[in-house]
Amino acid sequence: MRIVGTAELKPGDVLERAVLNHNGMVMLEAGTVLTENYIQRLKTLRIKYVHLSSRHGQSDGGYEKKRGGNALAWERPDIAEMKNDDKPRKEAGRIIGEFVSRGAMMEQIVLPFPEANFRQEFREMVLEISRQPALAEELGVMLQTDRMLFEHALNVTLCSSIMAAARGLDKSQKYELAMGAMFCDIGMTRLPADFTKVNRSLNEEEQQILRQHTSEGYRVLKGMKEVPLLSAQCALLHHERYRGSGYPLGMTNDKIPEYAQIVAIADVYNALGSPRHHRNAYGPAEAIEYLSASGNYDFDWELIRSFLGHVIIYPVSTKVQLSSGQLATVMETAGRPIQRPLVQVYRESDGRDVIVPYSLELQSHTNVVIVSKADK
């Protein structure tokens, strides 16, 4: 089964599920072979997507895209040559091994379950994925395309896996989600060479090409027997948004699969907090504020709350500057709002060092907030 936008439908496509109108009535039964008239009817009624069992007659190439009568064409990177390069594939495996063992991001995570158990399960799961030959080839391709893209994929996988554990998903579900997270941006490797490394804002036509990484990623993953359908859908749907403003299908709230919603939140959080070729990283507080403001607008609020409940933006021992001008050390974070830990003041706003550092519970002192990390 494939989720396909009505604009992409072709005569001969077969419906896997019945199509309902906005009143819940069946318009077309499952098994219907679509004709030009049926497709036009779906478009007239503003049905944005359907579920297909097959898509006869569609080319997998798809590298000439139309916009306003102008062709947007590019040459696909030489993927076969990249897959056959053993060196980056081995390097990708080495980086993954270090990542799952070291887990630098774990310093910013609060786990509601035994940390050692999670680390071991996460390590085994990611290594199992990365050791499958076809998937290892794609990881090598990703690393050759852009190291930032590769490292982003690992962080998205970690954050998605933590959300999976917090929500009580079983082992097979965690595996499907981790695979979907790791390869959610694999379509970026099929865009023009160095497209991910542009150090400026993209123009409108380039943005249109960039958005095609979701369908390109889905095309790659759905053709791999190692990848479950729900994992492949993460590539297609991780840019959908709660109120229908996302792409490529304009899905809304609970119509977006949970895996894709989880990956979307992890993707945005890590994208904001990481440097890009065209901008610096956002501060952790800014990334948290962005997600908090996007509840039931871009993302489901319950999923955001679940995620933010397991992220610490100022870990214990971090030196911070307060809005009062004081400098302090973070002492405790557990059981407190994400931006209001218990801190210990060691320097006053006038620059005087505190002889006997004292505690300040930011949860109680609502007029004082952390504004940034302190230099020392």
Protein backbone atom coordinates (compact mmCIF):
# COMPACT_ATOMS: atom_id res chain seq x y z
CA MET A 1 0.00 0.00 0.00
CA ARG A 2 1.20 3.49 -0.85
CA ILE A 3 -0.06 6.92 0.18
CA VAL A 4 -0.22 9.06 -2.96
CA GLY A 5 -1.29 12.65 -3.61
CA THR A 6 -4.18 13.04 -6.07
CA ALA A 7 -1.99 15.22 -8.30
CA GLU A 8 0.23 12.17 -8.91
CA LEU A 9 -2.53 9.69 -9.77
CA LYS A 10 -2.52 7.87 -13.12
CA PRO A 11 -5.29 5.97 -14.92
CA GLY A 12 -4.93 2.32 -13.97
CA ASP A 13 -3.96 2.94 -10.33
CA VAL A 14 -5.86 0.65 -7.95
CA LEU A 15 -7.32 1.79 -4.63
CA GLU A 16 -6.20 -0.20 -1.60
CA ARG A 17 -8.70 1.57 0.67
CA ALA A 18 -12.09 3.10 0.02
CA VAL A 19 -12.15 6.86 -0.53
CA LEU A 20 -14.50 8.74 1.78
CA ASN A 21 -15.88 12.22 1.22
CA HIS A 22 -15.73 14.90 3.90
CA ASN A 23 -19.03 13.60 5.35
CA GLY A 24 -17.63 10.10 5.77
CA MET A 25 -19.59 8.56 2.87
CA VAL A 26 -17.88 6.10 0.52
CA MET A 27 -17.11 7.68 -2.84
CA LEU A 28 -15.01 4.91 -4.36
CA GLU A 29 -14.72 1.35 -3.07
CA ALA A 30 -11.44 -0.42 -2.33
CA GLY A 31 -10.25 -2.21 -5.46
CA THR A 32 -11.52 0.47 -7.83
CA VAL A 33 -9.35 0.97 -10.90
CA LEU A 34 -8.99 4.70 -11.37
CA THR A 35 -9.93 6.39 -14.63
CA GLU A 36 -9.40 9.98 -15.79
CA ASN A 37 -12.98 10.76 -14.72
CA TYR A 38 -12.47 9.29 -11.25
CA ILE A 39 -9.20 11.20 -10.79
CA GLN A 40 -10.80 14.46 -11.90
CA ARG A 41 -13.68 13.87 -9.48
CA LEU A 42 -11.23 13.37 -6.60
CA LYS A 43 -9.47 16.63 -7.50
CA THR A 44 -12.76 18.54 -7.79
CA LEU A 45 -13.79 17.36 -4.33
CA ARG A 46 -10.36 18.36 -2.97
CA ILE A 47 -9.40 14.88 -1.81
CA LYS A 48 -5.69 15.36 -1.13
CA TYR A 49 -4.45 11.78 -1.07
CA VAL A 50 -5.52 8.15 -1.43
CA HIS A 51 -4.15 4.72 -0.53
CA LEU A 52 -3.07 2.67 -3.55
CA SER A 53 -2.17 -0.98 -3.90
CA SER A 54 -0.24 -0.32 -7.10
CA ARG A 55 0.75 2.53 -9.37
CA HIS A 56 0.87 1.19 -12.89
CA GLY A 57 2.60 3.25 -15.47
CA GLN A 58 4.55 5.59 -13.16
CA SER A 59 8.21 6.01 -13.88
CA ASP A 60 10.66 5.69 -11.01
CA GLY A 61 12.96 8.18 -12.65
CA GLY A 62 11.06 11.37 -11.95
CA TYR A 63 13.97 13.71 -12.53
CA GLU A 64 12.23 16.20 -14.79
CA LYS A 65 9.89 18.30 -12.67
CA LYS A 66 7.44 20.87 -14.05
CA ARG A 67 6.67 24.21 -12.56
CA GLY A 68 4.86 27.05 -14.31
CA GLY A 69 5.69 25.52 -17.68
CA ASN A 70 9.41 25.50 -16.96
CA ALA A 71 11.34 22.27 -16.56
CA LEU A 72 13.23 21.85 -13.33
CA ALA A 73 15.68 19.14 -14.26
CA TRP A 74 18.74 17.77 -12.54
CA GLU A 75 21.05 14.85 -12.94
CA ARG A 76 20.79 12.17 -10.30
CA PRO A 77 24.05 11.63 -8.38
CA ASP A 78 25.95 8.52 -9.36
CA ILE A 79 24.45 6.44 -6.56
CA ALA A 80 25.80 3.13 -7.87
CA GLU A 81 29.37 4.41 -7.73
CA MET A 82 28.80 5.84 -4.24
CA LYS A 83 27.37 2.54 -3.00
CA ASN A 84 30.37 0.63 -4.31
CA ASP A 85 32.83 2.83 -2.42
CA ASP A 86 33.84 0.68 0.52
CA LYS A 87 35.74 3.40 2.42
CA PRO A 88 32.81 5.72 3.33
CA ARG A 89 30.64 2.70 4.13
CA LYS A 90 33.20 1.52 6.68
CA GLU A 91 33.62 5.06 8.00
CA ALA A 92 29.85 5.33 8.47
CA GLY A 93 29.92 2.11 10.48
CA ARG A 94 32.78 3.43 12.63
CA ILE A 95 30.96 6.70 13.37
CA ILE A 96 27.78 4.84 14.28
CA GLY A 97 29.72 2.56 16.62
CA GLU A 98 31.19 5.57 18.41
CA PHE A 99 27.82 7.30 18.53
CA VAL A 100 25.94 4.45 20.18
CA SER A 101 28.77 3.87 22.65
CA ARG A 102 29.50 7.48 23.55
CA GLY A 103 26.03 9.00 23.12
CA ALA A 104 26.98 12.68 23.64
CA MET A 105 23.33 13.68 23.27
CA MET A 106 22.44 11.47 26.22
CA GLU A 107 23.71 14.26 28.44
CA GLN A 108 20.66 16.27 27.38
CA ILE A 109 18.14 13.51 27.97
CA VAL A 110 16.16 12.53 31.05
CA LEU A 111 15.05 8.92 30.88
CA PRO A 112 11.91 7.70 32.69
CA PHE A 113 13.37 4.18 32.57
CA PRO A 114 16.74 2.59 33.45
CA GLU A 115 19.38 4.35 31.36
CA ALA A 116 21.63 1.31 31.02
CA ASN A 117 18.76 -0.76 29.61
CA PHE A 118 17.87 1.93 27.09
CA ARG A 119 21.47 2.41 25.99
CA GLN A 120 21.93 -1.31 25.43
CA GLU A 121 18.67 -1.71 23.49
CA PHE A 122 19.37 1.39 21.40
CA ARG A 123 22.91 0.23 20.64
CA GLU A 124 21.79 -3.22 19.53
CA MET A 125 18.96 -1.82 17.42
CA VAL A 126 21.04 0.76 15.56
CA LEU A 127 23.94 -1.63 14.96
CA GLU A 128 21.52 -4.24 13.60
CA ILE A 129 20.16 -1.71 11.13
CA SER A 130 23.57 -0.45 10.06
CA ARG A 131 25.00 -3.95 9.50
CA GLN A 132 22.48 -4.91 6.84
CA PRO A 133 24.38 -4.62 3.52
CA ALA A 134 21.77 -2.63 1.57
CA LEU A 135 21.22 -0.22 4.45
CA ALA A 136 24.96 0.10 5.08
CA GLU A 137 25.35 1.16 1.45
CA GLU A 138 22.75 3.89 1.91
CA LEU A 139 24.49 5.11 5.07
CA GLY A 140 27.73 5.33 3.09
CA VAL A 141 25.92 7.33 0.41
CA MET A 142 24.54 9.66 3.07
CA LEU A 143 27.97 10.23 4.59
CA GLN A 144 29.47 11.00 1.17
CA THR A 145 26.65 13.42 0.41
CA ASP A 146 26.97 15.49 3.58
CA ARG A 147 28.42 14.61 6.98
CA MET A 148 26.02 17.06 8.68
CA LEU A 149 23.12 15.15 7.11
CA PHE A 150 24.56 11.86 8.38
CA GLU A 151 25.10 13.12 11.95
CA HIS A 152 21.64 14.68 11.94
CA ALA A 153 20.17 11.27 11.05
CA LEU A 154 21.82 9.69 14.10
CA ASN A 155 20.52 12.37 16.47
CA VAL A 156 17.01 12.12 15.02
CA THR A 157 17.15 8.35 15.54
CA LEU A 158 18.18 8.78 19.19
CA CYS A 159 15.45 11.32 19.98
CA SER A 160 12.82 9.27 18.16
CA SER A 161 13.89 6.14 20.06
CA ILE A 162 13.60 7.91 23.40
CA MET A 163 10.07 9.00 22.52
CA ALA A 164 9.27 5.45 21.46
CA ALA A 165 10.42 4.09 24.82
CA ALA A 166 8.57 6.80 26.73
CA ARG A 167 5.35 5.97 24.86
CA GLY A 168 5.67 2.25 25.56
CA LEU A 169 6.16 0.97 22.02
CA ASP A 170 7.15 -2.67 21.77
CA LYS A 171 10.48 -3.90 20.42
CA SER A 172 9.37 -4.36 16.82
CA GLN A 173 7.72 -0.92 16.78
CA LYS A 174 10.87 0.68 18.18
CA TYR A 175 12.87 -0.98 15.42
CA GLU A 176 10.52 0.24 12.69
CA LEU A 177 10.60 3.77 14.08
CA ALA A 178 14.40 3.81 14.44
CA MET A 179 14.80 2.71 10.82
CA GLY A 180 12.34 5.34 9.63
CA ALA A 181 14.15 8.02 11.62
CA MET A 182 17.60 7.03 10.41
CA PHE A 183 16.61 7.18 6.75
CA CYS A 184 13.96 9.92 6.83
CA ASP A 185 16.21 12.24 4.81
CA ILE A 186 17.72 9.65 2.46
CA GLY A 187 15.95 11.44 -0.39
CA MET A 188 18.38 14.33 0.07
CA THR A 189 21.10 12.10 -1.38
CA ARG A 190 19.17 11.90 -4.66
CA LEU A 191 18.99 15.67 -5.14
CA PRO A 192 21.58 17.61 -7.18
CA ALA A 193 25.18 17.17 -6.07
CA ASP A 194 26.08 19.39 -3.10
CA PHE A 195 22.48 20.62 -2.90
CA THR A 196 22.51 20.12 0.86
CA LYS A 197 25.65 22.26 1.24
CA VAL A 198 24.35 25.53 -0.23
CA ASN A 199 25.46 28.28 2.18
CA ARG A 200 22.57 30.65 1.44
CA SER A 201 18.80 30.64 1.52
CA LEU A 202 17.26 28.73 -1.39
CA ASN A 203 15.13 30.48 -3.99
CA GLU A 204 11.58 29.37 -4.77
CA GLU A 205 12.50 26.89 -7.49
CA GLU A 206 15.27 25.40 -5.35
CA GLN A 207 12.80 25.07 -2.46
CA GLN A 208 10.51 23.13 -4.78
CA ILE A 209 13.33 20.75 -5.64
CA LEU A 210 14.29 20.42 -1.97
CA ARG A 211 10.75 19.41 -1.03
CA GLN A 212 10.95 16.50 -3.43
CA HIS A 213 13.37 14.77 -1.05
CA THR A 214 10.36 13.29 0.76
CA SER A 215 8.96 11.48 -2.27
CA GLU A 216 12.48 10.60 -3.46
CA GLY A 217 13.25 9.08 -0.07
CA TYR A 218 10.02 7.09 -0.11
CA ARG A 219 10.82 5.86 -3.63
CA VAL A 220 14.21 4.60 -2.43
CA LEU A 221 12.97 2.93 0.76
CA LYS A 222 9.81 1.28 -0.56
CA GLY A 223 11.95 -0.61 -3.03
CA MET A 224 14.07 -2.19 -0.28
CA LYS A 225 12.87 -5.46 1.23
CA GLU A 226 14.71 -4.62 4.47
CA VAL A 227 12.52 -1.57 5.09
CA PRO A 228 8.98 -1.96 6.51
CA LEU A 229 6.29 0.20 4.91
CA LEU A 230 5.73 2.21 8.11
CA SER A 231 9.45 3.04 8.18
CA ALA A 232 9.40 4.14 4.55
CA GLN A 233 6.42 6.38 5.24
CA CYS A 234 8.56 8.39 7.68
CA ALA A 235 10.59 9.61 4.70
CA LEU A 236 7.45 10.58 2.80
CA LEU A 237 5.50 12.20 5.65
CA HIS A 238 7.94 13.73 8.16
CA HIS A 239 7.29 17.21 6.76
CA GLU A 240 3.51 16.96 7.14
CA ARG A 241 2.12 19.33 9.77
CA TYR A 242 -0.78 19.18 12.23
CA ARG A 243 -3.01 21.76 10.50
CA GLY A 244 -2.27 20.65 6.96
CA SER A 245 0.43 23.18 6.09
CA GLY A 246 3.11 20.57 5.42
CA TYR A 247 4.10 18.61 2.33
CA PRO A 248 3.86 16.59 0.15
CA LEU A 249 0.22 15.62 0.81
CA GLY A 250 -1.08 18.30 3.18
CA MET A 251 -2.23 15.74 5.78
CA THR A 252 -3.75 16.93 9.06
CA ASN A 253 -3.47 15.90 12.75
CA ASP A 254 -4.30 12.24 13.40
CA LYS A 255 -4.22 11.33 9.70
CA ILE A 256 -0.43 11.61 9.90
CA PRO A 257 1.01 8.27 11.11
CA GLU A 258 2.44 8.41 14.64
CA TYR A 259 5.92 7.33 13.51
CA ALA A 260 6.08 10.21 11.03
CA GLN A 261 4.90 12.68 13.68
CA ILE A 262 7.55 11.50 16.15
CA VAL A 263 10.29 11.70 13.52
CA ALA A 264 9.08 15.18 12.51
CA ILE A 265 9.45 16.52 16.06
CA ALA A 266 12.90 14.94 16.47
CA ASP A 267 13.91 16.25 13.05
CA VAL A 268 12.90 19.85 13.80
CA TYR A 269 14.47 19.86 17.27
CA ASN A 270 17.80 18.59 15.99
CA ALA A 271 17.74 20.79 12.89
CA LEU A 272 17.23 23.93 14.98
CA GLY A 273 19.93 22.98 17.46
CA SER A 274 22.56 22.11 14.84
CA PRO A 275 24.57 24.43 12.57
CA ARG A 276 23.70 24.41 8.89
CA HIS A 277 25.72 25.47 5.88
CA HIS A 278 23.62 28.65 5.61
CA ARG A 279 23.07 29.52 9.32
CA ASN A 280 24.31 29.04 12.86
CA ALA A 281 22.60 26.75 15.35
CA TYR A 282 19.69 28.03 17.42
CA GLY A 283 20.19 28.06 21.17
CA PRO A 284 18.55 25.19 23.07
CA ALA A 285 16.06 27.51 24.74
CA GLU A 286 15.03 28.91 21.35
CA ALA A 287 14.50 25.40 19.98
CA ILE A 288 12.36 24.47 22.99
CA GLU A 289 10.32 27.66 22.67
CA TYR A 290 9.75 26.93 18.99
CA LEU A 291 8.43 23.44 19.72
CA SER A 292 6.30 24.65 22.62
CA ALA A 293 4.67 27.26 20.40
CA SER A 294 3.98 24.72 17.67
CA GLY A 295 1.70 22.51 19.77
CA ASN A 296 -1.53 21.64 17.91
CA TYR A 297 -0.33 23.93 15.13
CA ASP A 298 2.59 22.11 13.53
CA PHE A 299 2.64 19.07 15.83
CA ASP A 300 0.33 17.22 18.18
CA TRP A 301 0.69 18.78 21.62
CA GLU A 302 0.70 15.46 23.47
CA LEU A 303 3.66 14.27 21.42
CA ILE A 304 5.52 17.53 22.03
CA ARG A 305 4.86 17.30 25.75
CA SER A 306 6.12 13.73 25.76
CA PHE A 307 9.29 14.84 23.98
CA LEU A 308 9.95 17.92 26.09
CA GLY A 309 9.48 15.83 29.20
CA HIS A 310 12.70 14.01 28.31
CA VAL A 311 14.96 16.84 27.19
CA ILE A 312 17.23 18.96 29.35
CA ILE A 313 18.57 22.08 27.67
CA TYR A 314 20.86 22.97 30.57
CA PRO A 315 22.24 19.72 32.06
CA VAL A 316 23.48 19.49 35.65
CA SER A 317 26.85 21.29 36.15
CA THR A 318 26.22 23.69 33.25
CA LYS A 319 27.30 27.28 33.94
CA VAL A 320 24.48 29.69 33.00
CA GLN A 321 23.74 33.40 32.94
CA LEU A 322 20.45 34.54 34.47
CA SER A 323 18.23 37.40 33.31
CA SER A 324 19.16 39.13 36.58
CA GLY A 325 22.79 39.28 35.41
CA GLN A 326 23.92 36.67 37.94
CA LEU A 327 26.00 33.63 37.01
CA ALA A 328 25.04 30.23 38.37
CA THR A 329 25.58 26.50 38.10
CA VAL A 330 22.72 24.11 37.32
CA MET A 331 22.32 21.76 40.30
CA GLU A 332 19.09 19.79 39.74
CA THR A 333 16.69 19.37 36.81
CA ALA A 334 14.49 16.38 37.68
CA GLY A 335 10.83 17.13 38.31
CA ARG A 336 11.13 20.76 37.21
CA PRO A 337 9.99 22.69 34.11
CA ILE A 338 12.51 22.36 31.33
CA GLN A 339 13.79 25.95 31.59
CA ARG A 340 13.54 26.29 35.38
CA PRO A 341 16.08 24.04 37.15
CA LEU A 342 17.54 24.54 40.62
CA VAL A 343 20.70 26.65 40.29
CA GLN A 344 23.48 27.77 42.61
CA VAL A 345 24.56 31.40 42.23
CA TYR A 346 28.34 31.92 42.29
CA ARG A 347 28.62 35.48 40.94
CA GLU A 348 26.37 38.49 41.46
CA SER A 349 25.20 40.84 38.71
CA ASP A 350 27.81 43.47 39.67
CA GLY A 351 30.64 40.98 39.07
CA ARG A 352 31.35 40.13 42.72
CA ASP A 353 32.11 36.48 43.38
CA VAL A 354 29.81 34.95 46.00
CA ILE A 355 31.80 33.81 49.04
CA VAL A 356 29.25 31.15 49.93
CA PRO A 357 27.27 30.13 46.83
CA TYR A 358 23.52 29.92 47.45
CA SER A 359 20.67 28.07 45.77
CA LEU A 360 17.96 29.66 43.69
CA GLU A 361 14.88 27.67 42.71
CA LEU A 362 13.90 29.13 39.34
CA GLN A 363 10.59 27.28 39.50
CA SER A 364 9.63 29.64 42.36
CA HIS A 365 11.43 32.80 41.16
CA THR A 366 9.37 33.29 38.01
CA ASN A 367 10.87 36.74 37.34
CA VAL A 368 14.31 35.19 36.73
CA VAL A 369 15.11 32.97 33.74
CA ILE A 370 18.22 31.47 32.13
CA VAL A 371 19.21 33.52 29.10
CA SER A 372 22.32 31.63 27.96
CA LYS A 373 25.24 29.43 28.94
CA ALA A 374 28.03 31.26 30.78
CA ASP A 375 31.55 31.32 29.43
CA LYS A 376 32.98 30.24 32.80
